[in-house]
Amino acid sequence: MAAENERVMPMIVAAEPVPPQPRLITWPDDDNTWTKTPTEETFRDRFVRRARENPLVPVGCVGTAGALLYGLRAFHQGNERRSQTMMRLRVLAQGFTVGAFILGILVNPLKPRK
């Protein structure tokens, strides 16, 4: 038996880690009870949704990639002037893309939600 002046420390047992749960969407049913349904948004669904929210970003990305590839092709063929022009165009296209992204971030909160 423990003496009166000794303290007994309780044992702390670590619990099993809880696995992550899927995101839940909640809405009222017809009988006014709330239903939670797990939703899985695929990469394609998310890409399409974001492209619709801010359509200038994918346009800028395609322009950037096009200028880069055409510039690399010109460099490989030895056309230095065309290569330099395309690399400058690529930088402008990247600036356009970043500007479109920032504009989308600033304008998106002003859009009405469905």
PDB file of N, CA and C in Angstrom:
ATOM      1  N   MET A   1       0.837  -1.175   0.000  1.00  0.00           N
ATOM      2  CA  MET A   1       0.000   0.000   0.000  1.00  0.00           C
ATOM      3  C   MET A   1       0.880   1.236   0.000  1.00  0.00           C
ATOM      4  N   ALA A   2       0.356   2.248  -0.655  1.00  0.00           N
ATOM      5  CA  ALA A   2       1.102   3.498  -0.737  1.00  0.00           C
ATOM      6  C   ALA A   2       0.963   4.236   0.578  1.00  0.00           C
ATOM      7  N   ALA A   3       2.040   4.877   0.953  1.00  0.00           N
ATOM      8  CA  ALA A   3       2.008   5.673   2.174  1.00  0.00           C
ATOM      9  C   ALA A   3       1.095   6.872   1.959  1.00  0.00           C
ATOM     10  N   GLU A   4       0.678   7.467   3.059  1.00  0.00           N
ATOM     11  CA  GLU A   4      -0.269   8.574   2.972  1.00  0.00           C
ATOM     12  C   GLU A   4       0.327   9.784   2.256  1.00  0.00           C
ATOM     13  N   ASN A   5       1.622  10.008   2.359  1.00  0.00           N
ATOM     14  CA  ASN A   5       2.209  11.178   1.743  1.00  0.00           C
ATOM     15  C   ASN A   5       2.692  10.909   0.312  1.00  0.00           C
ATOM     16  N   GLU A   6       2.563   9.705  -0.200  1.00  0.00           N
ATOM     17  CA  GLU A   6       2.947   9.396  -1.572  1.00  0.00           C
ATOM     18  C   GLU A   6       1.757   9.580  -2.498  1.00  0.00           C
ATOM     19  N   ARG A   7       2.056  10.102  -3.690  1.00  0.00           N
ATOM     20  CA  ARG A   7       0.988  10.291  -4.684  1.00  0.00           C
ATOM     21  C   ARG A   7       1.048   9.148  -5.688  1.00  0.00           C
ATOM     22  N   VAL A   8      -0.073   8.699  -6.130  1.00  0.00           N
ATOM     23  CA  VAL A   8      -0.156   7.665  -7.153  1.00  0.00           C
ATOM     24  C   VAL A   8      -0.511   8.364  -8.466  1.00  0.00           C
ATOM     25  N   MET A   9       0.344   8.206  -9.459  1.00  0.00           N
ATOM     26  CA  MET A   9       0.118   8.837 -10.754  1.00  0.00           C
ATOM     27  C   MET A   9      -0.706   7.896 -11.629  1.00  0.00           C
ATOM     28  N   PRO A  10      -1.748   8.399 -12.262  1.00  0.00           N
ATOM     29  CA  PRO A  10      -2.530   7.536 -13.158  1.00  0.00           C
ATOM     30  C   PRO A  10      -1.736   7.246 -14.430  1.00  0.00           C
ATOM     31  N   MET A  11      -1.964   6.103 -15.028  1.00  0.00           N
ATOM     32  CA  MET A  11      -1.287   5.742 -16.260  1.00  0.00           C
ATOM     33  C   MET A  11      -2.037   6.353 -17.445  1.00  0.00           C
ATOM     34  N   ILE A  12      -1.281   6.939 -18.357  1.00  0.00           N
ATOM     35  CA  ILE A  12      -1.876   7.510 -19.551  1.00  0.00           C
ATOM     36  C   ILE A  12      -1.582   6.564 -20.707  1.00  0.00           C
ATOM     37  N   VAL A  13      -2.632   6.130 -21.377  1.00  0.00           N
ATOM     38  CA  VAL A  13      -2.502   5.187 -22.470  1.00  0.00           C
ATOM     39  C   VAL A  13      -2.834   5.923 -23.763  1.00  0.00           C
ATOM     40  N   ALA A  14      -1.959   5.826 -24.741  1.00  0.00           N
ATOM     41  CA  ALA A  14      -2.195   6.493 -26.020  1.00  0.00           C
ATOM     42  C   ALA A  14      -3.295   5.778 -26.784  1.00  0.00           C
ATOM     43  N   ALA A  15      -4.195   6.552 -27.346  1.00  0.00           N
ATOM     44  CA  ALA A  15      -5.287   5.991 -28.133  1.00  0.00           C
ATOM     45  C   ALA A  15      -4.806   5.725 -29.560  1.00  0.00           C
ATOM     46  N   GLU A  16      -5.524   4.882 -30.259  1.00  0.00           N
ATOM     47  CA  GLU A  16      -5.205   4.603 -31.653  1.00  0.00           C
ATOM     48  C   GLU A  16      -5.451   5.870 -32.474  1.00  0.00           C
ATOM     49  N   PRO A  17      -4.613   6.161 -33.504  1.00  0.00           N
ATOM     50  CA  PRO A  17      -4.854   7.346 -34.330  1.00  0.00           C
ATOM     51  C   PRO A  17      -6.167   7.225 -35.088  1.00  0.00           C
ATOM     52  N   VAL A  18      -6.866   8.335 -35.199  1.00  0.00           N
ATOM     53  CA  VAL A  18      -8.161   8.355 -35.873  1.00  0.00           C
ATOM     54  C   VAL A  18      -7.919   8.587 -37.364  1.00  0.00           C
ATOM     55  N   PRO A  19      -8.460   7.730 -38.224  1.00  0.00           N
ATOM     56  CA  PRO A  19      -8.252   7.937 -39.657  1.00  0.00           C
ATOM     57  C   PRO A  19      -8.999   9.179 -40.128  1.00  0.00           C
ATOM     58  N   PRO A  20      -8.480   9.882 -41.162  1.00  0.00           N
ATOM     59  CA  PRO A  20      -9.152  11.080 -41.638  1.00  0.00           C
ATOM     60  C   PRO A  20     -10.513  10.747 -42.244  1.00  0.00           C
ATOM     61  N   GLN A  21     -11.470  11.604 -42.008  1.00  0.00           N
ATOM     62  CA  GLN A  21     -12.823  11.412 -42.510  1.00  0.00           C
ATOM     63  C   GLN A  21     -13.022  12.230 -43.787  1.00  0.00           C
ATOM     64  N   PRO A  22     -13.853  11.765 -44.722  1.00  0.00           N
ATOM     65  CA  PRO A  22     -14.122  12.570 -45.912  1.00  0.00           C
ATOM     66  C   PRO A  22     -14.914  13.817 -45.555  1.00  0.00           C
ATOM     67  N   ARG A  23     -14.770  14.858 -46.409  1.00  0.00           N
ATOM     68  CA  ARG A  23     -15.544  16.080 -46.191  1.00  0.00           C
ATOM     69  C   ARG A  23     -17.020  15.773 -46.286  1.00  0.00           C
ATOM     70  N   LEU A  24     -17.803  16.441 -45.487  1.00  0.00           N
ATOM     71  CA  LEU A  24     -19.239  16.191 -45.470  1.00  0.00           C
ATOM     72  C   LEU A  24     -19.991  17.440 -45.907  1.00  0.00           C
ATOM     73  N   ILE A  25     -21.017  17.233 -46.723  1.00  0.00           N
ATOM     74  CA  ILE A  25     -21.925  18.321 -47.088  1.00  0.00           C
ATOM     75  C   ILE A  25     -23.208  18.099 -46.308  1.00  0.00           C
ATOM     76  N   THR A  26     -23.714  19.166 -45.714  1.00  0.00           N
ATOM     77  CA  THR A  26     -24.905  19.049 -44.890  1.00  0.00           C
ATOM     78  C   THR A  26     -26.032  19.871 -45.501  1.00  0.00           C
ATOM     79  N   TRP A  27     -27.219  19.306 -45.574  1.00  0.00           N
ATOM     80  CA  TRP A  27     -28.383  20.060 -46.033  1.00  0.00           C
ATOM     81  C   TRP A  27     -29.624  19.480 -45.383  1.00  0.00           C
ATOM     82  N   PRO A  28     -30.717  20.289 -45.296  1.00  0.00           N
ATOM     83  CA  PRO A  28     -31.930  19.777 -44.658  1.00  0.00           C
ATOM     84  C   PRO A  28     -32.692  18.847 -45.595  1.00  0.00           C
ATOM     85  N   ASP A  29     -33.248  17.765 -45.022  1.00  0.00           N
ATOM     86  CA  ASP A  29     -34.111  16.856 -45.786  1.00  0.00           C
ATOM     87  C   ASP A  29     -35.526  17.397 -45.803  1.00  0.00           C
ATOM     88  N   ASP A  30     -36.434  16.647 -46.443  1.00  0.00           N
ATOM     89  CA  ASP A  30     -37.836  17.066 -46.519  1.00  0.00           C
ATOM     90  C   ASP A  30     -38.487  17.111 -45.146  1.00  0.00           C
ATOM     91  N   ASP A  31     -38.093  16.210 -44.254  1.00  0.00           N
ATOM     92  CA  ASP A  31     -38.698  16.191 -42.929  1.00  0.00           C
ATOM     93  C   ASP A  31     -37.939  17.089 -41.948  1.00  0.00           C
ATOM     94  N   ASN A  32     -37.144  18.035 -42.482  1.00  0.00           N
ATOM     95  CA  ASN A  32     -36.439  19.041 -41.694  1.00  0.00           C
ATOM     96  C   ASN A  32     -35.361  18.447 -40.780  1.00  0.00           C
ATOM     97  N   THR A  33     -34.846  17.267 -41.124  1.00  0.00           N
ATOM     98  CA  THR A  33     -33.682  16.727 -40.424  1.00  0.00           C
ATOM     99  C   THR A  33     -32.467  16.959 -41.310  1.00  0.00           C
ATOM    100  N   TRP A  34     -31.306  16.931 -40.714  1.00  0.00           N
ATOM    101  CA  TRP A  34     -30.085  17.231 -41.460  1.00  0.00           C
ATOM    102  C   TRP A  34     -29.394  15.952 -41.866  1.00  0.00           C
ATOM    103  N   THR A  35     -28.951  15.895 -43.113  1.00  0.00           N
ATOM    104  CA  THR A  35     -28.276  14.731 -43.659  1.00  0.00           C
ATOM    105  C   THR A  35     -26.852  15.119 -44.005  1.00  0.00           C
ATOM    106  N   LYS A  36     -25.922  14.254 -43.676  1.00  0.00           N
ATOM    107  CA  LYS A  36     -24.529  14.468 -44.042  1.00  0.00           C
ATOM    108  C   LYS A  36     -24.134  13.402 -45.054  1.00  0.00           C
ATOM    109  N   THR A  37     -23.632  13.851 -46.188  1.00  0.00           N
ATOM    110  CA  THR A  37     -23.246  12.939 -47.252  1.00  0.00           C
ATOM    111  C   THR A  37     -21.784  13.190 -47.611  1.00  0.00           C
ATOM    112  N   PRO A  38     -20.963  12.146 -47.623  1.00  0.00           N
ATOM    113  CA  PRO A  38     -19.569  12.366 -48.022  1.00  0.00           C
ATOM    114  C   PRO A  38     -19.479  12.696 -49.509  1.00  0.00           C
ATOM    115  N   THR A  39     -18.607  13.642 -49.844  1.00  0.00           N
ATOM    116  CA  THR A  39     -18.398  14.006 -51.241  1.00  0.00           C
ATOM    117  C   THR A  39     -16.933  13.820 -51.589  1.00  0.00           C
ATOM    118  N   GLU A  40     -16.708  13.366 -52.767  1.00  0.00           N
ATOM    119  CA  GLU A  40     -15.359  13.199 -53.283  1.00  0.00           C
ATOM    120  C   GLU A  40     -15.263  14.037 -54.555  1.00  0.00           C
ATOM    121  N   GLU A  41     -14.451  15.085 -54.533  1.00  0.00           N
ATOM    122  CA  GLU A  41     -14.251  15.910 -55.713  1.00  0.00           C
ATOM    123  C   GLU A  41     -12.982  15.420 -56.403  1.00  0.00           C
ATOM    124  N   THR A  42     -13.132  14.944 -57.628  1.00  0.00           N
ATOM    125  CA  THR A  42     -11.976  14.433 -58.355  1.00  0.00           C
ATOM    126  C   THR A  42     -11.120  15.592 -58.852  1.00  0.00           C
ATOM    127  N   PHE A  43      -9.915  15.276 -59.305  1.00  0.00           N
ATOM    128  CA  PHE A  43      -9.011  16.297 -59.830  1.00  0.00           C
ATOM    129  C   PHE A  43      -9.641  17.005 -61.022  1.00  0.00           C
ATOM    130  N   ARG A  44     -10.263  16.228 -61.906  1.00  0.00           N
ATOM    131  CA  ARG A  44     -10.887  16.809 -63.102  1.00  0.00           C
ATOM    132  C   ARG A  44     -12.017  17.748 -62.717  1.00  0.00           C
ATOM    133  N   ASP A  45     -12.878  17.336 -61.767  1.00  0.00           N
ATOM    134  CA  ASP A  45     -13.981  18.188 -61.323  1.00  0.00           C
ATOM    135  C   ASP A  45     -13.466  19.496 -60.733  1.00  0.00           C
ATOM    136  N   ARG A  46     -12.432  19.395 -59.931  1.00  0.00           N
ATOM    137  CA  ARG A  46     -11.875  20.590 -59.297  1.00  0.00           C
ATOM    138  C   ARG A  46     -11.239  21.504 -60.350  1.00  0.00           C
ATOM    139  N   PHE A  47     -10.525  20.920 -61.326  1.00  0.00           N
ATOM    140  CA  PHE A  47      -9.900  21.710 -62.374  1.00  0.00           C
ATOM    141  C   PHE A  47     -10.952  22.456 -63.190  1.00  0.00           C
ATOM    142  N   VAL A  48     -12.025  21.765 -63.578  1.00  0.00           N
ATOM    143  CA  VAL A  48     -13.089  22.389 -64.360  1.00  0.00           C
ATOM    144  C   VAL A  48     -13.767  23.489 -63.560  1.00  0.00           C
ATOM    145  N   ARG A  49     -14.029  23.245 -62.276  1.00  0.00           N
ATOM    146  CA  ARG A  49     -14.673  24.257 -61.429  1.00  0.00           C
ATOM    147  C   ARG A  49     -13.798  25.497 -61.311  1.00  0.00           C
ATOM    148  N   ARG A  50     -12.511  25.289 -61.074  1.00  0.00           N
ATOM    149  CA  ARG A  50     -11.603  26.440 -60.939  1.00  0.00           C
ATOM    150  C   ARG A  50     -11.415  27.174 -62.264  1.00  0.00           C
ATOM    151  N   ALA A  51     -11.399  26.444 -63.380  1.00  0.00           N
ATOM    152  CA  ALA A  51     -11.260  27.087 -64.688  1.00  0.00           C
ATOM    153  C   ALA A  51     -12.491  27.934 -64.997  1.00  0.00           C
ATOM    154  N   ARG A  52     -13.652  27.500 -64.558  1.00  0.00           N
ATOM    155  CA  ARG A  52     -14.870  28.300 -64.754  1.00  0.00           C
ATOM    156  C   ARG A  52     -14.883  29.528 -63.851  1.00  0.00           C
ATOM    157  N   GLU A  53     -14.336  29.385 -62.648  1.00  0.00           N
ATOM    158  CA  GLU A  53     -14.280  30.528 -61.737  1.00  0.00           C
ATOM    159  C   GLU A  53     -13.328  31.601 -62.245  1.00  0.00           C
ATOM    160  N   ASN A  54     -12.191  31.200 -62.830  1.00  0.00           N
ATOM    161  CA  ASN A  54     -11.189  32.150 -63.288  1.00  0.00           C
ATOM    162  C   ASN A  54     -10.614  31.650 -64.620  1.00  0.00           C
ATOM    163  N   PRO A  55     -11.307  31.924 -65.745  1.00  0.00           N
ATOM    164  CA  PRO A  55     -10.906  31.337 -67.029  1.00  0.00           C
ATOM    165  C   PRO A  55      -9.620  31.899 -67.610  1.00  0.00           C
ATOM    166  N   LEU A  56      -9.133  33.046 -67.134  1.00  0.00           N
ATOM    167  CA  LEU A  56      -7.926  33.625 -67.712  1.00  0.00           C
ATOM    168  C   LEU A  56      -6.654  32.899 -67.272  1.00  0.00           C
ATOM    169  N   VAL A  57      -6.680  32.223 -66.140  1.00  0.00           N
ATOM    170  CA  VAL A  57      -5.476  31.517 -65.664  1.00  0.00           C
ATOM    171  C   VAL A  57      -5.114  30.358 -66.592  1.00  0.00           C
ATOM    172  N   PRO A  58      -6.045  29.475 -66.972  1.00  0.00           N
ATOM    173  CA  PRO A  58      -5.654  28.418 -67.928  1.00  0.00           C
ATOM    174  C   PRO A  58      -5.208  28.980 -69.276  1.00  0.00           C
ATOM    175  N   VAL A  59      -5.827  30.087 -69.721  1.00  0.00           N
ATOM    176  CA  VAL A  59      -5.408  30.711 -70.983  1.00  0.00           C
ATOM    177  C   VAL A  59      -3.953  31.177 -70.862  1.00  0.00           C
ATOM    178  N   GLY A  60      -3.609  31.806 -69.747  1.00  0.00           N
ATOM    179  CA  GLY A  60      -2.235  32.255 -69.532  1.00  0.00           C
ATOM    180  C   GLY A  60      -1.257  31.102 -69.438  1.00  0.00           C
ATOM    181  N   CYS A  61      -1.674  30.011 -68.814  1.00  0.00           N
ATOM    182  CA  CYS A  61      -0.793  28.833 -68.711  1.00  0.00           C
ATOM    183  C   CYS A  61      -0.517  28.235 -70.082  1.00  0.00           C
ATOM    184  N   VAL A  62      -1.556  28.144 -70.918  1.00  0.00           N
ATOM    185  CA  VAL A  62      -1.368  27.604 -72.265  1.00  0.00           C
ATOM    186  C   VAL A  62      -0.468  28.536 -73.080  1.00  0.00           C
ATOM    187  N   GLY A  63      -0.664  29.849 -72.941  1.00  0.00           N
ATOM    188  CA  GLY A  63       0.192  30.803 -73.635  1.00  0.00           C
ATOM    189  C   GLY A  63       1.639  30.712 -73.193  1.00  0.00           C
ATOM    190  N   THR A  64       1.843  30.561 -71.895  1.00  0.00           N
ATOM    191  CA  THR A  64       3.203  30.422 -71.366  1.00  0.00           C
ATOM    192  C   THR A  64       3.870  29.158 -71.900  1.00  0.00           C
ATOM    193  N   ALA A  65       3.144  28.051 -71.847  1.00  0.00           N
ATOM    194  CA  ALA A  65       3.713  26.786 -72.333  1.00  0.00           C
ATOM    195  C   ALA A  65       3.990  26.852 -73.837  1.00  0.00           C
ATOM    196  N   GLY A  66       3.083  27.477 -74.593  1.00  0.00           N
ATOM    197  CA  GLY A  66       3.286  27.594 -76.035  1.00  0.00           C
ATOM    198  C   GLY A  66       4.517  28.424 -76.372  1.00  0.00           C
ATOM    199  N   ALA A  67       4.673  29.564 -75.691  1.00  0.00           N
ATOM    200  CA  ALA A  67       5.844  30.412 -75.935  1.00  0.00           C
ATOM    201  C   ALA A  67       7.129  29.690 -75.543  1.00  0.00           C
ATOM    202  N   LEU A  68       7.087  28.951 -74.451  1.00  0.00           N
ATOM    203  CA  LEU A  68       8.271  28.209 -74.008  1.00  0.00           C
ATOM    204  C   LEU A  68       8.663  27.142 -75.024  1.00  0.00           C
ATOM    205  N   LEU A  69       7.688  26.353 -75.448  1.00  0.00           N
ATOM    206  CA  LEU A  69       7.992  25.274 -76.394  1.00  0.00           C
ATOM    207  C   LEU A  69       8.469  25.818 -77.733  1.00  0.00           C
ATOM    208  N   TYR A  70       7.818  26.874 -78.221  1.00  0.00           N
ATOM    209  CA  TYR A  70       8.233  27.451 -79.497  1.00  0.00           C
ATOM    210  C   TYR A  70       9.619  28.079 -79.380  1.00  0.00           C
ATOM    211  N   GLY A  71       9.903  28.707 -78.243  1.00  0.00           N
ATOM    212  CA  GLY A  71      11.224  29.283 -78.020  1.00  0.00           C
ATOM    213  C   GLY A  71      12.305  28.225 -77.931  1.00  0.00           C
ATOM    214  N   LEU A  72      12.016  27.121 -77.266  1.00  0.00           N
ATOM    215  CA  LEU A  72      12.983  26.022 -77.192  1.00  0.00           C
ATOM    216  C   LEU A  72      13.233  25.410 -78.567  1.00  0.00           C
ATOM    217  N   ARG A  73      12.180  25.312 -79.365  1.00  0.00           N
ATOM    218  CA  ARG A  73      12.323  24.785 -80.726  1.00  0.00           C
ATOM    219  C   ARG A  73      13.210  25.717 -81.558  1.00  0.00           C
ATOM    220  N   ALA A  74      12.976  27.027 -81.448  1.00  0.00           N
ATOM    221  CA  ALA A  74      13.786  27.994 -82.190  1.00  0.00           C
ATOM    222  C   ALA A  74      15.241  27.937 -81.725  1.00  0.00           C
ATOM    223  N   PHE A  75      15.459  27.768 -80.422  1.00  0.00           N
ATOM    224  CA  PHE A  75      16.816  27.661 -79.890  1.00  0.00           C
ATOM    225  C   PHE A  75      17.513  26.417 -80.455  1.00  0.00           C
ATOM    226  N   HIS A  76      16.767  25.318 -80.488  1.00  0.00           N
ATOM    227  CA  HIS A  76      17.333  24.067 -81.002  1.00  0.00           C
ATOM    228  C   HIS A  76      17.694  24.189 -82.480  1.00  0.00           C
ATOM    229  N   GLN A  77      16.914  24.950 -83.228  1.00  0.00           N
ATOM    230  CA  GLN A  77      17.177  25.134 -84.656  1.00  0.00           C
ATOM    231  C   GLN A  77      18.264  26.175 -84.910  1.00  0.00           C
ATOM    232  N   GLY A  78      18.687  26.895 -83.885  1.00  0.00           N
ATOM    233  CA  GLY A  78      19.755  27.872 -84.034  1.00  0.00           C
ATOM    234  C   GLY A  78      19.267  29.284 -84.333  1.00  0.00           C
ATOM    235  N   ASN A  79      17.983  29.526 -84.262  1.00  0.00           N
ATOM    236  CA  ASN A  79      17.413  30.842 -84.535  1.00  0.00           C
ATOM    237  C   ASN A  79      17.414  31.636 -83.220  1.00  0.00           C
ATOM    238  N   GLU A  80      18.526  32.309 -82.922  1.00  0.00           N
ATOM    239  CA  GLU A  80      18.675  32.995 -81.635  1.00  0.00           C
ATOM    240  C   GLU A  80      17.694  34.144 -81.478  1.00  0.00           C
ATOM    241  N   ARG A  81      17.473  34.902 -82.533  1.00  0.00           N
ATOM    242  CA  ARG A  81      16.568  36.056 -82.448  1.00  0.00           C
ATOM    243  C   ARG A  81      15.152  35.605 -82.090  1.00  0.00           C
ATOM    244  N   ARG A  82      14.645  34.594 -82.775  1.00  0.00           N
ATOM    245  CA  ARG A  82      13.299  34.085 -82.503  1.00  0.00           C
ATOM    246  C   ARG A  82      13.237  33.489 -81.096  1.00  0.00           C
ATOM    247  N   SER A  83      14.290  32.796 -80.683  1.00  0.00           N
ATOM    248  CA  SER A  83      14.340  32.199 -79.352  1.00  0.00           C
ATOM    249  C   SER A  83      14.249  33.273 -78.269  1.00  0.00           C
ATOM    250  N   GLN A  84      15.009  34.355 -78.425  1.00  0.00           N
ATOM    251  CA  GLN A  84      14.968  35.453 -77.449  1.00  0.00           C
ATOM    252  C   GLN A  84      13.594  36.098 -77.407  1.00  0.00           C
ATOM    253  N   THR A  85      12.995  36.290 -78.579  1.00  0.00           N
ATOM    254  CA  THR A  85      11.654  36.891 -78.643  1.00  0.00           C
ATOM    255  C   THR A  85      10.643  36.012 -77.915  1.00  0.00           C
ATOM    256  N   MET A  86      10.733  34.714 -78.125  1.00  0.00           N
ATOM    257  CA  MET A  86       9.776  33.801 -77.478  1.00  0.00           C
ATOM    258  C   MET A  86       9.999  33.728 -75.966  1.00  0.00           C
ATOM    259  N   MET A  87      11.238  33.821 -75.518  1.00  0.00           N
ATOM    260  CA  MET A  87      11.488  33.819 -74.078  1.00  0.00           C
ATOM    261  C   MET A  87      10.949  35.095 -73.434  1.00  0.00           C
ATOM    262  N   ARG A  88      11.032  36.211 -74.142  1.00  0.00           N
ATOM    263  CA  ARG A  88      10.443  37.451 -73.625  1.00  0.00           C
ATOM    264  C   ARG A  88       8.921  37.349 -73.614  1.00  0.00           C
ATOM    265  N   LEU A  89       8.363  36.761 -74.646  1.00  0.00           N
ATOM    266  CA  LEU A  89       6.917  36.544 -74.687  1.00  0.00           C
ATOM    267  C   LEU A  89       6.483  35.615 -73.563  1.00  0.00           C
ATOM    268  N   ARG A  90       7.309  34.617 -73.272  1.00  0.00           N
ATOM    269  CA  ARG A  90       7.000  33.697 -72.167  1.00  0.00           C
ATOM    270  C   ARG A  90       6.932  34.441 -70.843  1.00  0.00           C
ATOM    271  N   VAL A  91       7.879  35.363 -70.614  1.00  0.00           N
ATOM    272  CA  VAL A  91       7.866  36.141 -69.375  1.00  0.00           C
ATOM    273  C   VAL A  91       6.606  36.999 -69.306  1.00  0.00           C
ATOM    274  N   LEU A  92       6.210  37.607 -70.433  1.00  0.00           N
ATOM    275  CA  LEU A  92       4.973  38.400 -70.456  1.00  0.00           C
ATOM    276  C   LEU A  92       3.754  37.520 -70.177  1.00  0.00           C
ATOM    277  N   ALA A  93       3.740  36.324 -70.761  1.00  0.00           N
ATOM    278  CA  ALA A  93       2.621  35.406 -70.533  1.00  0.00           C
ATOM    279  C   ALA A  93       2.570  34.959 -69.067  1.00  0.00           C
ATOM    280  N   GLN A  94       3.734  34.744 -68.463  1.00  0.00           N
ATOM    281  CA  GLN A  94       3.749  34.397 -67.035  1.00  0.00           C
ATOM    282  C   GLN A  94       3.219  35.549 -66.201  1.00  0.00           C
ATOM    283  N   GLY A  95       3.608  36.765 -66.545  1.00  0.00           N
ATOM    284  CA  GLY A  95       3.088  37.935 -65.830  1.00  0.00           C
ATOM    285  C   GLY A  95       1.587  38.051 -65.977  1.00  0.00           C
ATOM    286  N   PHE A  96       1.074  37.795 -67.184  1.00  0.00           N
ATOM    287  CA  PHE A  96      -0.371  37.797 -67.409  1.00  0.00           C
ATOM    288  C   PHE A  96      -1.056  36.753 -66.534  1.00  0.00           C
ATOM    289  N   THR A  97      -0.464  35.562 -66.465  1.00  0.00           N
ATOM    290  CA  THR A  97      -1.054  34.475 -65.677  1.00  0.00           C
ATOM    291  C   THR A  97      -1.092  34.833 -64.192  1.00  0.00           C
ATOM    292  N   VAL A  98      -0.006  35.363 -63.673  1.00  0.00           N
ATOM    293  CA  VAL A  98       0.037  35.755 -62.257  1.00  0.00           C
ATOM    294  C   VAL A  98      -0.959  36.875 -61.998  1.00  0.00           C
ATOM    295  N   GLY A  99      -1.038  37.850 -62.912  1.00  0.00           N
ATOM    296  CA  GLY A  99      -2.008  38.933 -62.762  1.00  0.00           C
ATOM    297  C   GLY A  99      -3.442  38.426 -62.780  1.00  0.00           C
ATOM    298  N   ALA A 100      -3.744  37.482 -63.682  1.00  0.00           N
ATOM    299  CA  ALA A 100      -5.085  36.897 -63.742  1.00  0.00           C
ATOM    300  C   ALA A 100      -5.401  36.140 -62.466  1.00  0.00           C
ATOM    301  N   PHE A 101      -4.408  35.440 -61.929  1.00  0.00           N
ATOM    302  CA  PHE A 101      -4.591  34.692 -60.686  1.00  0.00           C
ATOM    303  C   PHE A 101      -4.913  35.640 -59.529  1.00  0.00           C
ATOM    304  N   ILE A 102      -4.141  36.717 -59.413  1.00  0.00           N
ATOM    305  CA  ILE A 102      -4.364  37.689 -58.338  1.00  0.00           C
ATOM    306  C   ILE A 102      -5.710  38.385 -58.515  1.00  0.00           C
ATOM    307  N   LEU A 103      -6.041  38.747 -59.751  1.00  0.00           N
ATOM    308  CA  LEU A 103      -7.340  39.373 -60.017  1.00  0.00           C
ATOM    309  C   LEU A 103      -8.481  38.434 -59.631  1.00  0.00           C
ATOM    310  N   GLY A 104      -8.325  37.147 -59.943  1.00  0.00           N
ATOM    311  CA  GLY A 104      -9.345  36.165 -59.561  1.00  0.00           C
ATOM    312  C   GLY A 104      -9.494  36.049 -58.058  1.00  0.00           C
ATOM    313  N   ILE A 105      -8.386  36.131 -57.329  1.00  0.00           N
ATOM    314  CA  ILE A 105      -8.445  36.069 -55.870  1.00  0.00           C
ATOM    315  C   ILE A 105      -9.186  37.284 -55.313  1.00  0.00           C
ATOM    316  N   LEU A 106      -8.946  38.441 -55.915  1.00  0.00           N
ATOM    317  CA  LEU A 106      -9.587  39.667 -55.429  1.00  0.00           C
ATOM    318  C   LEU A 106     -11.057  39.751 -55.813  1.00  0.00           C
ATOM    319  N   VAL A 107     -11.438  39.233 -56.999  1.00  0.00           N
ATOM    320  CA  VAL A 107     -12.807  39.354 -57.485  1.00  0.00           C
ATOM    321  C   VAL A 107     -13.695  38.223 -56.977  1.00  0.00           C
ATOM    322  N   ASN A 108     -13.136  37.059 -56.716  1.00  0.00           N
ATOM    323  CA  ASN A 108     -13.929  35.894 -56.327  1.00  0.00           C
ATOM    324  C   ASN A 108     -14.802  36.127 -55.085  1.00  0.00           C
ATOM    325  N   PRO A 109     -14.328  36.800 -54.035  1.00  0.00           N
ATOM    326  CA  PRO A 109     -15.215  37.033 -52.888  1.00  0.00           C
ATOM    327  C   PRO A 109     -16.394  37.959 -53.209  1.00  0.00           C
ATOM    328  N   LEU A 110     -16.299  38.740 -54.277  1.00  0.00           N
ATOM    329  CA  LEU A 110     -17.383  39.652 -54.640  1.00  0.00           C
ATOM    330  C   LEU A 110     -18.487  38.977 -55.423  1.00  0.00           C
ATOM    331  N   LYS A 111     -18.222  37.791 -55.970  1.00  0.00           N
ATOM    332  CA  LYS A 111     -19.221  37.068 -56.757  1.00  0.00           C
ATOM    333  C   LYS A 111     -20.307  36.512 -55.826  1.00  0.00           C
ATOM    334  N   PRO A 112     -21.569  36.552 -56.268  1.00  0.00           N
ATOM    335  CA  PRO A 112     -22.633  35.979 -55.425  1.00  0.00           C
ATOM    336  C   PRO A 112     -22.552  34.450 -55.435  1.00  0.00           C
ATOM    337  N   ARG A 113     -22.801  33.850 -54.287  1.00  0.00           N
ATOM    338  CA  ARG A 113     -22.773  32.393 -54.146  1.00  0.00           C
ATOM    339  C   ARG A 113     -24.123  31.832 -54.539  1.00  0.00           C
ATOM    340  N   LYS A 114     -24.097  30.613 -55.117  1.00  0.00           N
ATOM    341  CA  LYS A 114     -25.338  29.943 -55.526  1.00  0.00           C
ATOM    342  C   LYS A 114     -25.979  29.247 -54.370  1.00  0.00           C
TER     343      LYS A 114
END
